[in-house]
Amino acid sequence: MSESKDPVLARLGPELTDTQKMMYAFGDSRRPQLETSKVMEAVVMSQVTGIIAKAAKVASSRGSKTLALEDILFLMRRNPVKVQRLVKYLVASEVANQSQTAADGDPPEQQGGRVSRRCRDFYQRIDEGGQLAKACREELADEIYLERLVRNERVTRGMSDAKYEEFCRARAVGFRGRHSQEFQAGMEKVVEGTHLGLDKVARRVLSYLSYESLGSLVELCLLVRRDAARDPVARLAAPLVIDPSYPSVQVPIEGEKEGGVDWVASRAAITVAELREVVRRLQHGRGGTGPHGMPLIAL
């Protein structure tokens, strides 16, 4: 990766890695720890490995030699809110591509919106209760998404122009394209191990799910820190209940109601110990499991 020539970033030391930038965008400190980011990459790779393994089983069961978008959509069918978030992402990507095409003076694509429409068509065929159809129309309440928007507003409220620009750049980074090429190479090796081809759209969705996994892990790390701040012994006890499908539920404690997770995030960068505690809690929680007994939190 080329080194940044931004004078503001230069004063802060070496440029952040892609993973550190994503962690910052999801609520970690402005300078996430490099060691923590490396462990985070390993955990996220474990997550995407589990997703690929499950999707490959779905593809094989239908006699396909290619892991397609529909195989991943099938895995997500039990969580309409996360389906809605995926559809929102795909629609936004399509709008951005169409806008860029128009700005370049090229003729618009005749099949604009085909990926999001592909999602809608698939879920219409398997939807029984109507929730998936609502998700495709973006009609469901998504409290986690709204919580992220509120957190971003609080974080950026007092930023200088330079810091806000840095934050926006961090939010634009993801496990795709020119970003995180090593991660992409690792993901390709996992796919090769399934002896299946990989649909182009499915590759993009896997990158998106990796990004969502990282975001959920960062948010869970902040909750672990909150637990430790309230009771240092709590982190040593097995959790009474944990719902991996809704990991960002928060019960504010006295003195933190105004700041919420931001009050915790502003104190210091997430540590390896906090991330490992998140992994421990997920392994002892409930839900479908992936590698090492962890639930696949993006599904």
C-alpha atoms as a PDB file:
ATOM      1  CA  MET A   1       0.000   0.000   0.000  1.00  0.00           C
ATOM      2  CA  SER A   2       1.312   3.437  -0.904  1.00  0.00           C
ATOM      3  CA  GLU A   3       2.193   5.763   1.929  1.00  0.00           C
ATOM      4  CA  SER A   4      -0.050   8.702   2.653  1.00  0.00           C
ATOM      5  CA  LYS A   5       1.271  12.185   1.863  1.00  0.00           C
ATOM      6  CA  ASP A   6      -1.384  13.927   3.948  1.00  0.00           C
ATOM      7  CA  PRO A   7       0.511  16.291   6.325  1.00  0.00           C
ATOM      8  CA  VAL A   8      -2.110  15.790   9.049  1.00  0.00           C
ATOM      9  CA  LEU A   9      -1.650  12.013   9.009  1.00  0.00           C
ATOM     10  CA  ALA A  10       2.121  12.363   8.686  1.00  0.00           C
ATOM     11  CA  ARG A  11       2.268  14.111  12.052  1.00  0.00           C
ATOM     12  CA  LEU A  12       0.477  11.161  13.653  1.00  0.00           C
ATOM     13  CA  GLY A  13       3.123   8.628  12.619  1.00  0.00           C
ATOM     14  CA  PRO A  14       2.853   5.645  10.241  1.00  0.00           C
ATOM     15  CA  GLU A  15      -0.319   5.401   8.190  1.00  0.00           C
ATOM     16  CA  LEU A  16      -3.024   3.173   9.588  1.00  0.00           C
ATOM     17  CA  THR A  17      -3.627  -0.200   7.987  1.00  0.00           C
ATOM     18  CA  ASP A  18      -6.979  -0.840   6.323  1.00  0.00           C
ATOM     19  CA  THR A  19      -8.128  -2.845   9.332  1.00  0.00           C
ATOM     20  CA  GLN A  20      -7.170  -0.050  11.732  1.00  0.00           C
ATOM     21  CA  LYS A  21      -9.106   2.449   9.609  1.00  0.00           C
ATOM     22  CA  MET A  22     -12.206   0.262   9.669  1.00  0.00           C
ATOM     23  CA  MET A  23     -11.899  -0.170  13.430  1.00  0.00           C
ATOM     24  CA  TYR A  24     -11.689   3.605  13.833  1.00  0.00           C
ATOM     25  CA  ALA A  25     -14.765   4.047  11.618  1.00  0.00           C
ATOM     26  CA  PHE A  26     -16.759   1.667  13.822  1.00  0.00           C
ATOM     27  CA  GLY A  27     -15.897   3.310  17.140  1.00  0.00           C
ATOM     28  CA  ASP A  28     -12.326   2.454  18.141  1.00  0.00           C
ATOM     29  CA  SER A  29      -9.917   5.253  19.041  1.00  0.00           C
ATOM     30  CA  ARG A  30      -8.385   7.455  16.372  1.00  0.00           C
ATOM     31  CA  ARG A  31      -5.183   5.373  16.481  1.00  0.00           C
ATOM     32  CA  PRO A  32      -6.179   1.692  16.950  1.00  0.00           C
ATOM     33  CA  GLN A  33      -3.475  -0.641  18.201  1.00  0.00           C
ATOM     34  CA  LEU A  34      -1.648  -2.497  15.435  1.00  0.00           C
ATOM     35  CA  GLU A  35      -1.468  -5.703  17.482  1.00  0.00           C
ATOM     36  CA  THR A  36      -5.222  -5.618  18.068  1.00  0.00           C
ATOM     37  CA  SER A  37      -5.860  -5.051  14.372  1.00  0.00           C
ATOM     38  CA  LYS A  38      -3.851  -8.162  13.485  1.00  0.00           C
ATOM     39  CA  VAL A  39      -5.877 -10.289  15.880  1.00  0.00           C
ATOM     40  CA  MET A  40      -9.029  -8.676  14.484  1.00  0.00           C
ATOM     41  CA  GLU A  41      -8.037  -9.704  10.949  1.00  0.00           C
ATOM     42  CA  ALA A  42      -7.576 -13.288  12.119  1.00  0.00           C
ATOM     43  CA  VAL A  43     -10.977 -13.367  13.810  1.00  0.00           C
ATOM     44  CA  VAL A  44     -12.708 -11.843  10.784  1.00  0.00           C
ATOM     45  CA  MET A  45     -10.974 -14.332   8.481  1.00  0.00           C
ATOM     46  CA  SER A  46     -12.256 -17.106  10.732  1.00  0.00           C
ATOM     47  CA  GLN A  47     -15.750 -15.655  10.350  1.00  0.00           C
ATOM     48  CA  VAL A  48     -15.614 -15.432   6.555  1.00  0.00           C
ATOM     49  CA  THR A  49     -14.136 -18.940   6.391  1.00  0.00           C
ATOM     50  CA  GLY A  50     -17.199 -20.236   8.217  1.00  0.00           C
ATOM     51  CA  ILE A  51     -19.536 -18.332   5.890  1.00  0.00           C
ATOM     52  CA  ILE A  52     -17.799 -19.713   2.797  1.00  0.00           C
ATOM     53  CA  ALA A  53     -17.927 -23.274   4.173  1.00  0.00           C
ATOM     54  CA  LYS A  54     -21.667 -23.036   4.835  1.00  0.00           C
ATOM     55  CA  ALA A  55     -22.374 -21.369   1.480  1.00  0.00           C
ATOM     56  CA  ALA A  56     -20.322 -24.046  -0.304  1.00  0.00           C
ATOM     57  CA  LYS A  57     -22.523 -26.733   1.257  1.00  0.00           C
ATOM     58  CA  VAL A  58     -25.611 -24.947  -0.051  1.00  0.00           C
ATOM     59  CA  ALA A  59     -24.083 -24.673  -3.537  1.00  0.00           C
ATOM     60  CA  SER A  60     -23.117 -28.353  -3.541  1.00  0.00           C
ATOM     61  CA  SER A  61     -26.581 -29.410  -2.391  1.00  0.00           C
ATOM     62  CA  ARG A  62     -28.098 -27.803  -5.477  1.00  0.00           C
ATOM     63  CA  GLY A  63     -25.464 -29.362  -7.741  1.00  0.00           C
ATOM     64  CA  SER A  64     -23.722 -26.111  -8.633  1.00  0.00           C
ATOM     65  CA  LYS A  65     -20.029 -25.756  -9.368  1.00  0.00           C
ATOM     66  CA  THR A  66     -20.130 -22.060  -8.476  1.00  0.00           C
ATOM     67  CA  LEU A  67     -20.709 -20.394  -5.139  1.00  0.00           C
ATOM     68  CA  ALA A  68     -23.340 -17.809  -6.058  1.00  0.00           C
ATOM     69  CA  LEU A  69     -25.058 -14.858  -4.422  1.00  0.00           C
ATOM     70  CA  GLU A  70     -28.160 -16.947  -3.755  1.00  0.00           C
ATOM     71  CA  ASP A  71     -26.177 -19.408  -1.629  1.00  0.00           C
ATOM     72  CA  ILE A  72     -25.221 -16.589   0.742  1.00  0.00           C
ATOM     73  CA  LEU A  73     -28.726 -15.113   0.665  1.00  0.00           C
ATOM     74  CA  PHE A  74     -30.090 -18.499   1.728  1.00  0.00           C
ATOM     75  CA  LEU A  75     -27.843 -18.465   4.802  1.00  0.00           C
ATOM     76  CA  MET A  76     -29.157 -15.016   5.767  1.00  0.00           C
ATOM     77  CA  ARG A  77     -32.846 -15.877   5.423  1.00  0.00           C
ATOM     78  CA  ARG A  78     -33.413 -16.152   9.193  1.00  0.00           C
ATOM     79  CA  ASN A  79     -32.295 -12.589   9.906  1.00  0.00           C
ATOM     80  CA  PRO A  80     -34.453 -10.132   7.907  1.00  0.00           C
ATOM     81  CA  VAL A  81     -32.823  -7.055   9.458  1.00  0.00           C
ATOM     82  CA  LYS A  82     -29.385  -8.114   8.238  1.00  0.00           C
ATOM     83  CA  VAL A  83     -30.924  -8.932   4.852  1.00  0.00           C
ATOM     84  CA  GLN A  84     -32.271  -5.380   4.768  1.00  0.00           C
ATOM     85  CA  ARG A  85     -28.829  -4.000   5.573  1.00  0.00           C
ATOM     86  CA  LEU A  86     -27.310  -6.023   2.726  1.00  0.00           C
ATOM     87  CA  VAL A  87     -29.959  -4.875   0.242  1.00  0.00           C
ATOM     88  CA  LYS A  88     -29.417  -1.272   1.338  1.00  0.00           C
ATOM     89  CA  TYR A  89     -25.685  -1.696   0.710  1.00  0.00           C
ATOM     90  CA  LEU A  90     -26.238  -3.215  -2.748  1.00  0.00           C
ATOM     91  CA  VAL A  91     -28.698  -0.493  -3.758  1.00  0.00           C
ATOM     92  CA  ALA A  92     -26.296   2.229  -2.591  1.00  0.00           C
ATOM     93  CA  SER A  93     -23.463   0.589  -4.560  1.00  0.00           C
ATOM     94  CA  GLU A  94     -25.610   0.487  -7.687  1.00  0.00           C
ATOM     95  CA  VAL A  95     -26.592   4.141  -7.329  1.00  0.00           C
ATOM     96  CA  ALA A  96     -22.943   5.112  -6.839  1.00  0.00           C
ATOM     97  CA  ASN A  97     -21.896   3.152  -9.931  1.00  0.00           C
ATOM     98  CA  GLN A  98     -24.649   4.712 -12.028  1.00  0.00           C
ATOM     99  CA  SER A  99     -23.699   8.195 -10.833  1.00  0.00           C
ATOM    100  CA  GLN A 100     -20.046   7.569 -11.688  1.00  0.00           C
ATOM    101  CA  THR A 101     -21.037   6.274 -15.124  1.00  0.00           C
ATOM    102  CA  ALA A 102     -23.112   9.383 -15.767  1.00  0.00           C
ATOM    103  CA  ALA A 103     -20.285  11.641 -14.560  1.00  0.00           C
ATOM    104  CA  ASP A 104     -17.887   9.924 -16.955  1.00  0.00           C
ATOM    105  CA  GLY A 105     -20.257  10.577 -19.839  1.00  0.00           C
ATOM    106  CA  ASP A 106     -20.873   6.898 -20.562  1.00  0.00           C
ATOM    107  CA  PRO A 107     -24.339   5.619 -21.510  1.00  0.00           C
ATOM    108  CA  PRO A 108     -26.277   4.284 -18.488  1.00  0.00           C
ATOM    109  CA  GLU A 109     -26.490   0.539 -18.036  1.00  0.00           C
ATOM    110  CA  GLN A 110     -29.733  -0.963 -19.187  1.00  0.00           C
ATOM    111  CA  GLN A 111     -29.693  -3.468 -16.323  1.00  0.00           C
ATOM    112  CA  GLY A 112     -29.165  -1.000 -13.481  1.00  0.00           C
ATOM    113  CA  GLY A 113     -30.280  -2.403 -10.145  1.00  0.00           C
ATOM    114  CA  ARG A 114     -30.012  -5.997 -11.308  1.00  0.00           C
ATOM    115  CA  VAL A 115     -28.163  -7.226  -8.196  1.00  0.00           C
ATOM    116  CA  SER A 116     -30.651  -5.834  -5.670  1.00  0.00           C
ATOM    117  CA  ARG A 117     -33.468  -7.089  -7.901  1.00  0.00           C
ATOM    118  CA  ARG A 118     -31.813 -10.501  -7.892  1.00  0.00           C
ATOM    119  CA  CYS A 119     -32.014 -10.464  -4.088  1.00  0.00           C
ATOM    120  CA  ARG A 120     -35.688  -9.506  -4.137  1.00  0.00           C
ATOM    121  CA  ASP A 121     -36.558 -12.204  -6.662  1.00  0.00           C
ATOM    122  CA  PHE A 122     -34.785 -14.890  -4.642  1.00  0.00           C
ATOM    123  CA  TYR A 123     -36.439 -13.978  -1.348  1.00  0.00           C
ATOM    124  CA  GLN A 124     -39.864 -13.740  -2.963  1.00  0.00           C
ATOM    125  CA  ARG A 125     -39.516 -17.406  -3.907  1.00  0.00           C
ATOM    126  CA  ILE A 126     -38.684 -18.591  -0.376  1.00  0.00           C
ATOM    127  CA  ASP A 127     -40.427 -15.993   1.808  1.00  0.00           C
ATOM    128  CA  GLU A 128     -43.280 -17.417   3.876  1.00  0.00           C
ATOM    129  CA  GLY A 129     -43.967 -14.847   6.565  1.00  0.00           C
ATOM    130  CA  GLY A 130     -43.443 -11.695   4.511  1.00  0.00           C
ATOM    131  CA  GLN A 131     -40.558 -10.394   6.620  1.00  0.00           C
ATOM    132  CA  LEU A 132     -37.974 -10.933   3.884  1.00  0.00           C
ATOM    133  CA  ALA A 133     -40.135  -9.026   1.407  1.00  0.00           C
ATOM    134  CA  LYS A 134     -40.314  -6.150   3.893  1.00  0.00           C
ATOM    135  CA  ALA A 135     -36.543  -6.313   4.308  1.00  0.00           C
ATOM    136  CA  CYS A 136     -36.052  -5.987   0.552  1.00  0.00           C
ATOM    137  CA  ARG A 137     -38.300  -2.918   0.587  1.00  0.00           C
ATOM    138  CA  GLU A 138     -36.330  -1.541   3.575  1.00  0.00           C
ATOM    139  CA  GLU A 139     -39.405  -1.387   5.804  1.00  0.00           C
ATOM    140  CA  LEU A 140     -37.959  -2.976   8.954  1.00  0.00           C
ATOM    141  CA  ALA A 141     -36.618  -1.073  11.957  1.00  0.00           C
ATOM    142  CA  ASP A 142     -32.837  -1.498  12.171  1.00  0.00           C
ATOM    143  CA  GLU A 143     -31.793  -0.243  15.593  1.00  0.00           C
ATOM    144  CA  ILE A 144     -28.148  -1.223  15.174  1.00  0.00           C
ATOM    145  CA  TYR A 145     -27.861   0.801  11.966  1.00  0.00           C
ATOM    146  CA  LEU A 146     -29.517   3.807  13.596  1.00  0.00           C
ATOM    147  CA  GLU A 147     -27.268   3.422  16.623  1.00  0.00           C
ATOM    148  CA  ARG A 148     -24.221   3.577  14.359  1.00  0.00           C
ATOM    149  CA  LEU A 149     -25.504   6.759  12.740  1.00  0.00           C
ATOM    150  CA  VAL A 150     -26.053   8.366  16.149  1.00  0.00           C
ATOM    151  CA  ARG A 151     -22.585   7.304  17.293  1.00  0.00           C
ATOM    152  CA  ASN A 152     -21.000   8.757  14.159  1.00  0.00           C
ATOM    153  CA  GLU A 153     -22.845  12.021  14.717  1.00  0.00           C
ATOM    154  CA  ARG A 154     -21.582  12.233  18.297  1.00  0.00           C
ATOM    155  CA  VAL A 155     -18.028  11.345  17.319  1.00  0.00           C
ATOM    156  CA  THR A 156     -17.841  13.906  14.513  1.00  0.00           C
ATOM    157  CA  ARG A 157     -19.701  16.723  16.261  1.00  0.00           C
ATOM    158  CA  GLY A 158     -16.582  18.444  17.595  1.00  0.00           C
ATOM    159  CA  MET A 159     -14.094  17.407  14.921  1.00  0.00           C
ATOM    160  CA  SER A 160     -11.947  19.844  13.029  1.00  0.00           C
ATOM    161  CA  ASP A 161     -12.118  19.781   9.230  1.00  0.00           C
ATOM    162  CA  ALA A 162      -8.886  17.773   9.043  1.00  0.00           C
ATOM    163  CA  LYS A 163     -10.061  15.175  11.548  1.00  0.00           C
ATOM    164  CA  TYR A 164     -13.452  14.902   9.856  1.00  0.00           C
ATOM    165  CA  GLU A 165     -11.769  14.311   6.510  1.00  0.00           C
ATOM    166  CA  GLU A 166      -9.632  11.593   8.095  1.00  0.00           C
ATOM    167  CA  PHE A 167     -12.732   9.966   9.617  1.00  0.00           C
ATOM    168  CA  CYS A 168     -14.568  10.023   6.263  1.00  0.00           C
ATOM    169  CA  ARG A 169     -11.595   8.387   4.592  1.00  0.00           C
ATOM    170  CA  ALA A 170     -11.634   5.669   7.235  1.00  0.00           C
ATOM    171  CA  ARG A 171     -15.333   5.041   6.636  1.00  0.00           C
ATOM    172  CA  ALA A 172     -14.666   4.575   2.922  1.00  0.00           C
ATOM    173  CA  VAL A 173     -12.276   1.660   3.535  1.00  0.00           C
ATOM    174  CA  GLY A 174     -13.504  -1.925   3.344  1.00  0.00           C
ATOM    175  CA  PHE A 175     -12.498  -5.492   2.524  1.00  0.00           C
ATOM    176  CA  ARG A 176     -12.789  -4.938  -1.210  1.00  0.00           C
ATOM    177  CA  GLY A 177     -11.027  -3.681  -4.329  1.00  0.00           C
ATOM    178  CA  ARG A 178      -7.643  -2.090  -3.741  1.00  0.00           C
ATOM    179  CA  HIS A 179      -8.174  -2.155   0.026  1.00  0.00           C
ATOM    180  CA  SER A 180      -6.988  -5.115   2.091  1.00  0.00           C
ATOM    181  CA  GLN A 181      -5.434  -7.052  -0.770  1.00  0.00           C
ATOM    182  CA  GLU A 182      -3.848  -9.561   1.606  1.00  0.00           C
ATOM    183  CA  PHE A 183      -7.240 -10.288   3.137  1.00  0.00           C
ATOM    184  CA  GLN A 184      -8.734 -10.744  -0.322  1.00  0.00           C
ATOM    185  CA  ALA A 185      -5.935 -13.173  -1.208  1.00  0.00           C
ATOM    186  CA  GLY A 186      -6.636 -15.145   1.969  1.00  0.00           C
ATOM    187  CA  MET A 187     -10.331 -15.281   1.152  1.00  0.00           C
ATOM    188  CA  GLU A 188      -9.542 -16.542  -2.352  1.00  0.00           C
ATOM    189  CA  LYS A 189      -7.482 -19.391  -0.866  1.00  0.00           C
ATOM    190  CA  VAL A 190     -10.432 -20.388   1.306  1.00  0.00           C
ATOM    191  CA  VAL A 191     -12.710 -20.438  -1.754  1.00  0.00           C
ATOM    192  CA  GLU A 192     -10.167 -22.504  -3.697  1.00  0.00           C
ATOM    193  CA  GLY A 193     -10.321 -25.073  -0.916  1.00  0.00           C
ATOM    194  CA  THR A 194     -14.021 -25.636  -1.654  1.00  0.00           C
ATOM    195  CA  HIS A 195     -13.193 -26.536  -5.305  1.00  0.00           C
ATOM    196  CA  LEU A 196     -15.982 -24.206  -6.405  1.00  0.00           C
ATOM    197  CA  GLY A 197     -15.948 -21.123  -8.557  1.00  0.00           C
ATOM    198  CA  LEU A 198     -17.010 -17.813  -7.027  1.00  0.00           C
ATOM    199  CA  ASP A 199     -19.673 -15.544  -8.466  1.00  0.00           C
ATOM    200  CA  LYS A 200     -18.442 -11.954  -8.862  1.00  0.00           C
ATOM    201  CA  VAL A 201     -21.351 -10.587  -6.861  1.00  0.00           C
ATOM    202  CA  ALA A 202     -20.877 -13.266  -4.184  1.00  0.00           C
ATOM    203  CA  ARG A 203     -17.255 -12.126  -3.794  1.00  0.00           C
ATOM    204  CA  ARG A 204     -18.455  -8.564  -3.190  1.00  0.00           C
ATOM    205  CA  VAL A 205     -21.044  -9.735  -0.652  1.00  0.00           C
ATOM    206  CA  LEU A 206     -18.416 -11.782   1.199  1.00  0.00           C
ATOM    207  CA  SER A 207     -16.303  -8.633   1.482  1.00  0.00           C
ATOM    208  CA  TYR A 208     -19.336  -6.786   2.807  1.00  0.00           C
ATOM    209  CA  LEU A 209     -20.039  -9.504   5.387  1.00  0.00           C
ATOM    210  CA  SER A 210     -16.396  -9.362   6.482  1.00  0.00           C
ATOM    211  CA  TYR A 211     -16.827  -5.620   7.026  1.00  0.00           C
ATOM    212  CA  GLU A 212     -20.021  -6.176   9.028  1.00  0.00           C
ATOM    213  CA  SER A 213     -18.266  -8.829  11.125  1.00  0.00           C
ATOM    214  CA  LEU A 214     -15.472  -6.409  11.975  1.00  0.00           C
ATOM    215  CA  GLY A 215     -17.998  -3.724  12.907  1.00  0.00           C
ATOM    216  CA  SER A 216     -19.902  -6.047  15.219  1.00  0.00           C
ATOM    217  CA  LEU A 217     -16.675  -7.181  16.875  1.00  0.00           C
ATOM    218  CA  VAL A 218     -15.601  -3.583  17.542  1.00  0.00           C
ATOM    219  CA  GLU A 219     -18.999  -2.765  19.043  1.00  0.00           C
ATOM    220  CA  LEU A 220     -18.854  -5.868  21.228  1.00  0.00           C
ATOM    221  CA  CYS A 221     -15.372  -4.855  22.405  1.00  0.00           C
ATOM    222  CA  LEU A 222     -16.791  -1.535  23.572  1.00  0.00           C
ATOM    223  CA  LEU A 223     -19.514  -3.369  25.489  1.00  0.00           C
ATOM    224  CA  VAL A 224     -16.893  -5.586  27.126  1.00  0.00           C
ATOM    225  CA  ARG A 225     -15.060  -2.457  28.219  1.00  0.00           C
ATOM    226  CA  ARG A 226     -18.253  -1.056  29.667  1.00  0.00           C
ATOM    227  CA  ASP A 227     -18.815  -4.250  31.630  1.00  0.00           C
ATOM    228  CA  ALA A 228     -15.272  -4.079  32.979  1.00  0.00           C
ATOM    229  CA  ALA A 229     -15.709  -0.431  33.971  1.00  0.00           C
ATOM    230  CA  ARG A 230     -18.809  -1.332  35.946  1.00  0.00           C
ATOM    231  CA  ASP A 231     -17.457  -4.489  37.561  1.00  0.00           C
ATOM    232  CA  PRO A 232     -13.847  -5.671  36.998  1.00  0.00           C
ATOM    233  CA  VAL A 233     -14.845  -9.200  38.001  1.00  0.00           C
ATOM    234  CA  ALA A 234     -17.703  -9.431  35.504  1.00  0.00           C
ATOM    235  CA  ARG A 235     -15.442 -10.225  32.571  1.00  0.00           C
ATOM    236  CA  LEU A 236     -14.266 -13.390  34.366  1.00  0.00           C
ATOM    237  CA  ALA A 237     -17.785 -14.788  34.712  1.00  0.00           C
ATOM    238  CA  ALA A 238     -19.666 -16.683  32.009  1.00  0.00           C
ATOM    239  CA  PRO A 239     -22.389 -14.490  30.465  1.00  0.00           C
ATOM    240  CA  LEU A 240     -25.953 -15.269  31.486  1.00  0.00           C
ATOM    241  CA  VAL A 241     -27.189 -14.719  27.946  1.00  0.00           C
ATOM    242  CA  ILE A 242     -25.845 -13.428  24.672  1.00  0.00           C
ATOM    243  CA  ASP A 243     -27.699 -13.060  21.395  1.00  0.00           C
ATOM    244  CA  PRO A 244     -25.198 -13.003  18.490  1.00  0.00           C
ATOM    245  CA  SER A 245     -27.968 -11.989  16.072  1.00  0.00           C
ATOM    246  CA  TYR A 246     -28.404  -8.722  17.978  1.00  0.00           C
ATOM    247  CA  PRO A 247     -24.981  -8.045  19.510  1.00  0.00           C
ATOM    248  CA  SER A 248     -25.231  -4.296  19.944  1.00  0.00           C
ATOM    249  CA  VAL A 249     -28.039  -4.082  22.505  1.00  0.00           C
ATOM    250  CA  GLN A 250     -26.942  -1.737  25.269  1.00  0.00           C
ATOM    251  CA  VAL A 251     -28.229  -0.924  28.736  1.00  0.00           C
ATOM    252  CA  PRO A 252     -26.670   2.411  29.776  1.00  0.00           C
ATOM    253  CA  ILE A 253     -25.248   2.532  33.269  1.00  0.00           C
ATOM    254  CA  GLU A 254     -25.287   5.500  35.587  1.00  0.00           C
ATOM    255  CA  GLY A 255     -23.098   8.338  34.350  1.00  0.00           C
ATOM    256  CA  GLU A 256     -22.928   7.076  30.763  1.00  0.00           C
ATOM    257  CA  LYS A 257     -26.448   7.767  29.500  1.00  0.00           C
ATOM    258  CA  GLU A 258     -25.425  10.811  27.491  1.00  0.00           C
ATOM    259  CA  GLY A 259     -22.211   9.484  26.020  1.00  0.00           C
ATOM    260  CA  GLY A 260     -23.205   5.856  25.502  1.00  0.00           C
ATOM    261  CA  VAL A 261     -20.584   3.715  23.818  1.00  0.00           C
ATOM    262  CA  ASP A 262     -18.702   6.866  22.779  1.00  0.00           C
ATOM    263  CA  TRP A 263     -17.893   7.589  26.417  1.00  0.00           C
ATOM    264  CA  VAL A 264     -16.075   4.264  26.549  1.00  0.00           C
ATOM    265  CA  ALA A 265     -14.527   4.469  23.078  1.00  0.00           C
ATOM    266  CA  SER A 266     -12.926   7.823  23.743  1.00  0.00           C
ATOM    267  CA  ARG A 267     -10.836   6.517  26.625  1.00  0.00           C
ATOM    268  CA  ALA A 268      -8.290   4.332  24.806  1.00  0.00           C
ATOM    269  CA  ALA A 269      -7.764   2.022  21.871  1.00  0.00           C
ATOM    270  CA  ILE A 270      -9.316  -1.440  22.005  1.00  0.00           C
ATOM    271  CA  THR A 271      -6.867  -3.986  23.407  1.00  0.00           C
ATOM    272  CA  VAL A 272      -6.140  -7.567  22.410  1.00  0.00           C
ATOM    273  CA  ALA A 273      -7.451  -8.707  25.801  1.00  0.00           C
ATOM    274  CA  GLU A 274     -10.817  -7.045  25.159  1.00  0.00           C
ATOM    275  CA  LEU A 275     -11.090  -8.645  21.728  1.00  0.00           C
ATOM    276  CA  ARG A 276     -10.208 -12.057  23.136  1.00  0.00           C
ATOM    277  CA  GLU A 277     -12.898 -11.598  25.790  1.00  0.00           C
ATOM    278  CA  VAL A 278     -15.439 -10.941  23.027  1.00  0.00           C
ATOM    279  CA  VAL A 279     -14.383 -14.170  21.314  1.00  0.00           C
ATOM    280  CA  ARG A 280     -14.699 -16.046  24.607  1.00  0.00           C
ATOM    281  CA  ARG A 281     -18.208 -14.730  25.195  1.00  0.00           C
ATOM    282  CA  LEU A 282     -19.295 -15.590  21.664  1.00  0.00           C
ATOM    283  CA  GLN A 283     -17.908 -19.110  21.997  1.00  0.00           C
ATOM    284  CA  HIS A 284     -19.926 -19.608  25.187  1.00  0.00           C
ATOM    285  CA  GLY A 285     -23.045 -17.952  23.787  1.00  0.00           C
ATOM    286  CA  ARG A 286     -25.887 -19.356  21.775  1.00  0.00           C
ATOM    287  CA  GLY A 287     -26.523 -19.529  18.034  1.00  0.00           C
ATOM    288  CA  GLY A 288     -25.140 -21.277  14.977  1.00  0.00           C
ATOM    289  CA  THR A 289     -21.422 -21.904  15.184  1.00  0.00           C
ATOM    290  CA  GLY A 290     -18.575 -21.407  12.793  1.00  0.00           C
ATOM    291  CA  PRO A 291     -14.869 -22.215  13.230  1.00  0.00           C
ATOM    292  CA  HIS A 292     -13.685 -22.566  16.838  1.00  0.00           C
ATOM    293  CA  GLY A 293     -17.286 -22.718  18.088  1.00  0.00           C
ATOM    294  CA  MET A 294     -18.039 -19.071  17.292  1.00  0.00           C
ATOM    295  CA  PRO A 295     -21.379 -17.971  15.824  1.00  0.00           C
ATOM    296  CA  LEU A 296     -21.215 -16.299  12.418  1.00  0.00           C
ATOM    297  CA  ILE A 297     -22.223 -12.839  13.565  1.00  0.00           C
ATOM    298  CA  ALA A 298     -22.755 -11.342  10.098  1.00  0.00           C
ATOM    299  CA  LEU A 299     -25.506 -13.837   9.169  1.00  0.00           C
END
